[in-house]
C-alpha atoms as a PDB file:
ATOM      1  CA  LYS A   1      38.968 -19.119 -33.399  1.00  0.00           C
ATOM      2  CA  GLU A   2      38.681 -15.601 -32.119  1.00  0.00           C
ATOM      3  CA  GLU A   3      37.158 -13.297 -34.739  1.00  0.00           C
ATOM      4  CA  ALA A   4      34.216 -13.615 -37.119  1.00  0.00           C
ATOM      5  CA  MET A   5      36.574 -13.935 -40.113  1.00  0.00           C
ATOM      6  CA  ASP A   6      38.033 -17.076 -38.525  1.00  0.00           C
ATOM      7  CA  TYR A   7      34.684 -18.796 -39.056  1.00  0.00           C
ATOM      8  CA  ARG A   8      34.816 -18.075 -42.807  1.00  0.00           C
ATOM      9  CA  TYR A   9      31.334 -16.553 -42.876  1.00  0.00           C
ATOM     10  CA  PHE A  10      30.024 -15.739 -46.351  1.00  0.00           C
ATOM     11  CA  PRO A  11      26.579 -14.913 -47.829  1.00  0.00           C
ATOM     12  CA  ASP A  12      24.413 -17.880 -48.823  1.00  0.00           C
ATOM     13  CA  PRO A  13      23.894 -17.551 -52.603  1.00  0.00           C
ATOM     14  CA  ASP A  14      20.452 -19.228 -52.321  1.00  0.00           C
ATOM     15  CA  LEU A  15      19.100 -16.622 -49.850  1.00  0.00           C
ATOM     16  CA  PRO A  16      18.367 -13.175 -51.227  1.00  0.00           C
ATOM     17  CA  PRO A  17      19.013 -10.144 -48.992  1.00  0.00           C
ATOM     18  CA  LEU A  18      16.143  -9.435 -46.551  1.00  0.00           C
ATOM     19  CA  VAL A  19      15.133  -5.803 -46.479  1.00  0.00           C
ATOM     20  CA  VAL A  20      12.664  -4.868 -43.681  1.00  0.00           C
ATOM     21  CA  PRO A  21      10.743  -1.666 -44.485  1.00  0.00           C
ATOM     22  CA  GLU A  22      10.860   1.049 -41.823  1.00  0.00           C
ATOM     23  CA  GLN A  23       7.050   1.133 -41.895  1.00  0.00           C
ATOM     24  CA  MET A  24       6.895  -2.524 -40.817  1.00  0.00           C
ATOM     25  CA  ILE A  25       9.334  -1.866 -37.974  1.00  0.00           C
ATOM     26  CA  GLU A  26       7.245   1.051 -36.714  1.00  0.00           C
ATOM     27  CA  GLN A  27       4.063  -0.980 -36.989  1.00  0.00           C
ATOM     28  CA  GLU A  28       5.523  -3.764 -34.864  1.00  0.00           C
ATOM     29  CA  ARG A  29       6.946  -1.262 -32.396  1.00  0.00           C
ATOM     30  CA  SER A  30       3.541   0.424 -31.955  1.00  0.00           C
ATOM     31  CA  GLY A  31       2.010  -2.928 -31.026  1.00  0.00           C
ATOM     32  CA  LEU A  32       4.423  -3.571 -28.181  1.00  0.00           C
ATOM     33  CA  PRO A  33       3.124  -3.272 -24.587  1.00  0.00           C
ATOM     34  CA  GLU A  34       4.545  -0.597 -22.307  1.00  0.00           C
ATOM     35  CA  LEU A  35       8.042  -1.740 -21.388  1.00  0.00           C
ATOM     36  CA  PRO A  36       9.376  -1.721 -17.788  1.00  0.00           C
ATOM     37  CA  ALA A  37      11.652   1.273 -18.325  1.00  0.00           C
ATOM     38  CA  GLU A  38       8.738   3.276 -19.702  1.00  0.00           C
ATOM     39  CA  LYS A  39       6.527   2.267 -16.771  1.00  0.00           C
ATOM     40  CA  ARG A  40       9.176   3.355 -14.295  1.00  0.00           C
ATOM     41  CA  ARG A  41       9.507   6.767 -15.908  1.00  0.00           C
ATOM     42  CA  ARG A  42       5.736   7.252 -16.054  1.00  0.00           C
ATOM     43  CA  TRP A  43       5.154   6.174 -12.449  1.00  0.00           C
ATOM     44  CA  GLN A  44       7.885   8.480 -11.192  1.00  0.00           C
ATOM     45  CA  LEU A  45       6.347  11.346 -13.133  1.00  0.00           C
ATOM     46  CA  GLU A  46       2.617  10.698 -12.613  1.00  0.00           C
ATOM     47  CA  LEU A  47       2.555   8.903  -9.248  1.00  0.00           C
ATOM     48  CA  SER A  48       5.627  10.466  -7.628  1.00  0.00           C
ATOM     49  CA  LEU A  49       7.177   7.046  -6.942  1.00  0.00           C
ATOM     50  CA  THR A  50      10.847   6.894  -6.111  1.00  0.00           C
ATOM     51  CA  GLU A  51      13.206   5.241  -8.560  1.00  0.00           C
ATOM     52  CA  TYR A  52      13.576   2.355  -6.091  1.00  0.00           C
ATOM     53  CA  ASP A  53       9.808   1.818  -5.684  1.00  0.00           C
ATOM     54  CA  ALA A  54       9.252   1.861  -9.425  1.00  0.00           C
ATOM     55  CA  SER A  55      12.115  -0.576  -9.950  1.00  0.00           C
ATOM     56  CA  VAL A  56      10.765  -3.079  -7.392  1.00  0.00           C
ATOM     57  CA  LEU A  57       7.223  -2.955  -8.760  1.00  0.00           C
ATOM     58  CA  THR A  58       8.316  -3.579 -12.355  1.00  0.00           C
ATOM     59  CA  GLN A  59      10.366  -6.688 -11.624  1.00  0.00           C
ATOM     60  CA  HIS A  60       7.434  -8.868 -12.695  1.00  0.00           C
ATOM     61  CA  PRO A  61       4.645  -7.917 -15.159  1.00  0.00           C
ATOM     62  CA  SER A  62       1.887  -9.362 -12.946  1.00  0.00           C
ATOM     63  CA  VAL A  63       3.032  -7.320  -9.956  1.00  0.00           C
ATOM     64  CA  ALA A  64       3.223  -4.201 -12.113  1.00  0.00           C
ATOM     65  CA  GLU A  65      -0.319  -4.800 -13.351  1.00  0.00           C
ATOM     66  CA  LEU A  66      -1.601  -5.427  -9.823  1.00  0.00           C
ATOM     67  CA  PHE A  67      -0.014  -2.228  -8.533  1.00  0.00           C
ATOM     68  CA  GLU A  68      -1.432  -0.058 -11.282  1.00  0.00           C
ATOM     69  CA  ARG A  69      -4.934  -1.515 -11.015  1.00  0.00           C
ATOM     70  CA  SER A  70      -5.043  -1.405  -7.221  1.00  0.00           C
ATOM     71  CA  ALA A  71      -3.781   2.196  -7.095  1.00  0.00           C
ATOM     72  CA  ARG A  72      -6.484   3.193  -9.560  1.00  0.00           C
ATOM     73  CA  GLU A  73      -9.138   1.275  -7.590  1.00  0.00           C
ATOM     74  CA  LEU A  74      -8.014   2.930  -4.350  1.00  0.00           C
ATOM     75  CA  GLY A  75      -8.700   6.331  -5.871  1.00  0.00           C
ATOM     76  CA  ARG A  76     -12.187   5.178  -6.860  1.00  0.00           C
ATOM     77  CA  ALA A  77     -12.881   3.511  -3.495  1.00  0.00           C
ATOM     78  CA  THR A  78     -12.128   6.789  -1.721  1.00  0.00           C
ATOM     79  CA  SER A  79     -14.419   8.703  -4.106  1.00  0.00           C
ATOM     80  CA  GLY A  80     -11.478  10.581  -5.545  1.00  0.00           C
ATOM     81  CA  ARG A  81     -10.386  12.063  -2.197  1.00  0.00           C
ATOM     82  CA  LEU A  82      -6.974  10.523  -2.754  1.00  0.00           C
ATOM     83  CA  GLN A  83      -5.130  12.025  -5.692  1.00  0.00           C
ATOM     84  CA  PRO A  84      -3.393   9.530  -8.042  1.00  0.00           C
ATOM     85  CA  ALA A  85       0.038  10.293  -6.612  1.00  0.00           C
ATOM     86  CA  ALA A  86      -1.125   9.779  -3.010  1.00  0.00           C
ATOM     87  CA  ALA A  87      -3.011   6.582  -3.865  1.00  0.00           C
ATOM     88  CA  GLY A  88      -0.020   5.284  -5.815  1.00  0.00           C
ATOM     89  CA  LYS A  89       2.439   5.946  -3.000  1.00  0.00           C
ATOM     90  CA  LYS A  90       0.239   4.333  -0.331  1.00  0.00           C
ATOM     91  CA  MET A  91      -0.363   1.279  -2.499  1.00  0.00           C
ATOM     92  CA  ALA A  92       3.306   0.986  -3.452  1.00  0.00           C
ATOM     93  CA  ASN A  93       4.313   1.041   0.218  1.00  0.00           C
ATOM     94  CA  PHE A  94       1.772  -1.599   1.235  1.00  0.00           C
ATOM     95  CA  ILE A  95       2.544  -3.940  -1.647  1.00  0.00           C
ATOM     96  CA  GLN A  96       6.266  -3.810  -0.922  1.00  0.00           C
ATOM     97  CA  SER A  97       6.010  -4.128   2.852  1.00  0.00           C
ATOM     98  CA  GLU A  98       3.169  -6.661   3.137  1.00  0.00           C
ATOM     99  CA  LEU A  99       2.262  -8.359  -0.146  1.00  0.00           C
ATOM    100  CA  LEU A 100       5.434  -9.173  -2.072  1.00  0.00           C
ATOM    101  CA  ARG A 101       6.632 -11.804   0.404  1.00  0.00           C
ATOM    102  CA  HIS A 102       3.477 -13.801  -0.408  1.00  0.00           C
ATOM    103  CA  VAL A 103       3.827 -13.590  -4.214  1.00  0.00           C
ATOM    104  CA  GLU A 104       5.085 -16.715  -5.990  1.00  0.00           C
ATOM    105  CA  THR A 105       6.553 -16.379  -9.482  1.00  0.00           C
ATOM    106  CA  ASP A 106       7.499 -18.923 -12.133  1.00  0.00           C
ATOM    107  CA  GLY A 107       8.840 -17.204 -15.215  1.00  0.00           C
ATOM    108  CA  LEU A 108       6.101 -14.949 -16.546  1.00  0.00           C
ATOM    109  CA  ARG A 109       3.512 -16.656 -14.367  1.00  0.00           C
ATOM    110  CA  ALA A 110       2.728 -15.352 -10.891  1.00  0.00           C
ATOM    111  CA  LYS A 111       0.479 -16.419  -8.034  1.00  0.00           C
ATOM    112  CA  ILE A 112      -0.820 -13.345  -6.224  1.00  0.00           C
ATOM    113  CA  PRO A 113      -3.057 -14.170  -3.219  1.00  0.00           C
ATOM    114  CA  VAL A 114      -5.313 -11.085  -3.329  1.00  0.00           C
ATOM    115  CA  SER A 115      -7.049  -9.156  -6.080  1.00  0.00           C
ATOM    116  CA  ALA A 116      -6.455  -5.493  -6.866  1.00  0.00           C
ATOM    117  CA  GLU A 117     -10.045  -4.724  -5.825  1.00  0.00           C
ATOM    118  CA  HIS A 118      -9.693  -6.354  -2.401  1.00  0.00           C
ATOM    119  CA  LEU A 119      -6.351  -4.665  -1.809  1.00  0.00           C
ATOM    120  CA  ALA A 120      -7.839  -1.278  -2.675  1.00  0.00           C
ATOM    121  CA  GLU A 121     -10.824  -1.925  -0.406  1.00  0.00           C
ATOM    122  CA  LEU A 122      -8.488  -2.666   2.508  1.00  0.00           C
ATOM    123  CA  LEU A 123      -6.508   0.550   2.145  1.00  0.00           C
ATOM    124  CA  ALA A 124      -9.718   2.513   1.588  1.00  0.00           C
ATOM    125  CA  LEU A 125     -10.892   1.381   5.044  1.00  0.00           C
ATOM    126  CA  VAL A 126      -7.725   2.919   6.480  1.00  0.00           C
ATOM    127  CA  GLU A 127      -8.295   6.184   4.618  1.00  0.00           C
ATOM    128  CA  GLN A 128     -11.898   6.293   5.835  1.00  0.00           C
ATOM    129  CA  GLY A 129     -10.782   5.826   9.436  1.00  0.00           C
ATOM    130  CA  THR A 130     -12.613   2.513   9.796  1.00  0.00           C
ATOM    131  CA  ILE A 131      -9.395   0.708  10.772  1.00  0.00           C
ATOM    132  CA  SER A 132      -5.887   1.869  11.624  1.00  0.00           C
ATOM    133  CA  GLY A 133      -2.812   1.248   9.523  1.00  0.00           C
ATOM    134  CA  LYS A 134      -1.593  -1.242  12.121  1.00  0.00           C
ATOM    135  CA  MET A 135      -4.944  -3.040  12.086  1.00  0.00           C
ATOM    136  CA  ALA A 136      -4.811  -3.194   8.269  1.00  0.00           C
ATOM    137  CA  LYS A 137      -1.836  -5.556   8.525  1.00  0.00           C
ATOM    138  CA  GLU A 138      -3.819  -7.901  10.765  1.00  0.00           C
ATOM    139  CA  VAL A 139      -6.824  -7.760   8.438  1.00  0.00           C
ATOM    140  CA  PHE A 140      -4.549  -8.455   5.474  1.00  0.00           C
ATOM    141  CA  ASN A 141      -3.205 -11.599   7.135  1.00  0.00           C
ATOM    142  CA  GLN A 142      -6.786 -12.713   7.738  1.00  0.00           C
ATOM    143  CA  MET A 143      -7.545 -12.071   4.061  1.00  0.00           C
ATOM    144  CA  LEU A 144      -4.715 -14.403   3.103  1.00  0.00           C
ATOM    145  CA  SER A 145      -5.807 -17.210   5.423  1.00  0.00           C
ATOM    146  CA  THR A 146      -9.574 -16.979   4.840  1.00  0.00           C
ATOM    147  CA  SER A 147      -9.855 -15.585   1.273  1.00  0.00           C
ATOM    148  CA  SER A 148     -12.476 -13.150   2.630  1.00  0.00           C
ATOM    149  CA  ASP A 149     -12.583  -9.469   1.745  1.00  0.00           C
ATOM    150  CA  ALA A 150     -11.533  -6.764   4.177  1.00  0.00           C
ATOM    151  CA  LYS A 151     -15.012  -5.427   4.956  1.00  0.00           C
ATOM    152  CA  THR A 152     -16.321  -8.882   5.841  1.00  0.00           C
ATOM    153  CA  ILE A 153     -13.397  -9.556   8.170  1.00  0.00           C
ATOM    154  CA  VAL A 154     -13.703  -6.183   9.909  1.00  0.00           C
ATOM    155  CA  GLU A 155     -17.443  -6.643  10.455  1.00  0.00           C
ATOM    156  CA  LYS A 156     -17.256 -10.258  11.644  1.00  0.00           C
ATOM    157  CA  ARG A 157     -14.374  -9.664  14.048  1.00  0.00           C
ATOM    158  CA  GLY A 158     -15.524  -6.262  15.277  1.00  0.00           C
ATOM    159  CA  LEU A 159     -12.253  -4.627  14.278  1.00  0.00           C
ATOM    160  CA  ALA A 160     -13.674  -1.232  13.312  1.00  0.00           C
ATOM    161  CA  GLN A 161     -12.123   1.698  15.147  1.00  0.00           C
ATOM    162  CA  VAL A 162     -14.092   3.451  17.849  1.00  0.00           C
ATOM    163  CA  THR A 163     -14.731   6.945  16.514  1.00  0.00           C
ATOM    164  CA  ASP A 164     -17.575   7.841  18.859  1.00  0.00           C
ATOM    165  CA  SER A 165     -16.311  10.965  20.650  1.00  0.00           C
ATOM    166  CA  ALA A 166     -18.582  10.456  23.660  1.00  0.00           C
ATOM    167  CA  ALA A 167     -17.401   6.873  24.172  1.00  0.00           C
ATOM    168  CA  LEU A 168     -13.746   7.881  23.871  1.00  0.00           C
ATOM    169  CA  GLU A 169     -14.203  10.843  26.216  1.00  0.00           C
ATOM    170  CA  ALA A 170     -15.535   8.419  28.826  1.00  0.00           C
ATOM    171  CA  GLU A 171     -12.474   6.194  28.410  1.00  0.00           C
ATOM    172  CA  VAL A 172     -10.165   9.205  28.634  1.00  0.00           C
ATOM    173  CA  ALA A 173     -11.861  10.321  31.854  1.00  0.00           C
ATOM    174  CA  LYS A 174     -11.346   6.858  33.367  1.00  0.00           C
ATOM    175  CA  VAL A 175      -7.666   6.739  32.453  1.00  0.00           C
ATOM    176  CA  LEU A 176      -6.951  10.262  33.692  1.00  0.00           C
ATOM    177  CA  GLY A 177      -8.813   9.594  36.919  1.00  0.00           C
ATOM    178  CA  ALA A 178      -6.822   6.414  37.529  1.00  0.00           C
ATOM    179  CA  ASN A 179      -3.451   8.085  36.902  1.00  0.00           C
ATOM    180  CA  PRO A 180      -3.361  11.445  38.775  1.00  0.00           C
ATOM    181  CA  LYS A 181       0.443  11.342  39.134  1.00  0.00           C
ATOM    182  CA  GLN A 182       0.946  11.164  35.368  1.00  0.00           C
ATOM    183  CA  VAL A 183      -1.657  13.909  34.857  1.00  0.00           C
ATOM    184  CA  GLU A 184       0.351  16.191  37.143  1.00  0.00           C
ATOM    185  CA  GLN A 185       3.556  15.327  35.298  1.00  0.00           C
ATOM    186  CA  TYR A 186       1.989  16.289  31.983  1.00  0.00           C
ATOM    187  CA  ARG A 187       0.642  19.561  33.331  1.00  0.00           C
ATOM    188  CA  SER A 188       4.073  20.293  34.791  1.00  0.00           C
ATOM    189  CA  GLY A 189       5.577  20.171  31.296  1.00  0.00           C
ATOM    190  CA  ASN A 190       6.381  16.501  30.712  1.00  0.00           C
ATOM    191  CA  LYS A 191       4.546  16.121  27.393  1.00  0.00           C
ATOM    192  CA  LYS A 192       5.998  12.658  26.803  1.00  0.00           C
ATOM    193  CA  VAL A 193       3.475  11.304  29.302  1.00  0.00           C
ATOM    194  CA  LEU A 194       0.832  11.713  26.600  1.00  0.00           C
ATOM    195  CA  GLY A 195       2.094   8.494  25.017  1.00  0.00           C
ATOM    196  CA  PHE A 196       1.426   6.667  28.292  1.00  0.00           C
ATOM    197  CA  PHE A 197      -2.195   7.823  28.298  1.00  0.00           C
ATOM    198  CA  VAL A 198      -2.672   6.857  24.656  1.00  0.00           C
ATOM    199  CA  GLY A 199      -1.284   3.401  25.400  1.00  0.00           C
ATOM    200  CA  GLN A 200      -3.650   2.937  28.349  1.00  0.00           C
ATOM    201  CA  ILE A 201      -6.674   3.902  26.276  1.00  0.00           C
ATOM    202  CA  MET A 202      -5.662   1.655  23.387  1.00  0.00           C
ATOM    203  CA  LYS A 203      -5.256  -1.160  25.894  1.00  0.00           C
ATOM    204  CA  ALA A 204      -8.678  -0.484  27.415  1.00  0.00           C
ATOM    205  CA  THR A 205     -10.338  -0.482  23.984  1.00  0.00           C
ATOM    206  CA  LYS A 206      -8.298  -3.477  22.766  1.00  0.00           C
ATOM    207  CA  GLY A 207      -6.712  -1.338  20.077  1.00  0.00           C
ATOM    208  CA  ALA A 208     -10.046  -0.256  18.618  1.00  0.00           C
ATOM    209  CA  ALA A 209      -9.853   3.442  19.493  1.00  0.00           C
ATOM    210  CA  ASN A 210      -9.002   5.923  16.757  1.00  0.00           C
ATOM    211  CA  PRO A 211      -5.492   7.109  17.778  1.00  0.00           C
ATOM    212  CA  GLN A 212      -5.842  10.562  16.231  1.00  0.00           C
ATOM    213  CA  LEU A 213      -9.141  11.213  17.984  1.00  0.00           C
ATOM    214  CA  VAL A 214      -7.736   9.863  21.267  1.00  0.00           C
ATOM    215  CA  ASN A 215      -4.823  12.312  21.054  1.00  0.00           C
ATOM    216  CA  GLU A 216      -7.177  15.228  20.383  1.00  0.00           C
ATOM    217  CA  ILE A 217      -9.445  14.402  23.320  1.00  0.00           C
ATOM    218  CA  LEU A 218      -6.507  13.818  25.673  1.00  0.00           C
ATOM    219  CA  ARG A 219      -4.896  17.143  24.866  1.00  0.00           C
ATOM    220  CA  LYS A 220      -8.194  18.943  25.364  1.00  0.00           C
ATOM    221  CA  GLU A 221      -8.866  17.275  28.733  1.00  0.00           C
ATOM    222  CA  LEU A 222      -5.312  17.725  30.000  1.00  0.00           C
ATOM    223  CA  GLN A 223      -5.386  21.440  29.245  1.00  0.00           C
ATOM    224  CA  LYS A 224      -8.375  21.979  31.524  1.00  0.00           C
END
């Protein structure tokens, strides 16, 4: 048998024709949740996500919900300093690079190890300069193993970045004083040596120094 006619289909005389009113169809359609394709279009438009990012984040409804909630919470946690598009992009990147490998799915069920609020709090600490982006990955791993929130981990382990200009200036002075040859190289035009100084200061502060502030202070001191 190859075609429908080969099966000898015919209307059942005991079943009257079923006519579904257009109004009923529209009513049911209006009650549907936002479908993945619609989410992807909206996120690309409102949050400036790439087609790839939006596709990855809509592969499971629980992940999609987590992303949207955490991006919204990140905007709130930074007191609105991050616009929705910026918050969405940062959250999308972190979820894809760090979180998804820890998500377990079983059909429509999903086990996600962190809440949207805790995820937003973690990235807010990066935006506030409390921890670096690199340190955020370490804190995230601690969140997974201890179930603690980011702020608690940072405080207990003393992971907050050093942003005290005076303290960093003292460290810069020590490093420059201990490496006169590299100082001369920099002042002779070898700007790549700056990375060496940054590395030495990060090593001295056990990675706690604010890299941006370190670069600013180094450039100022090396121009003297």
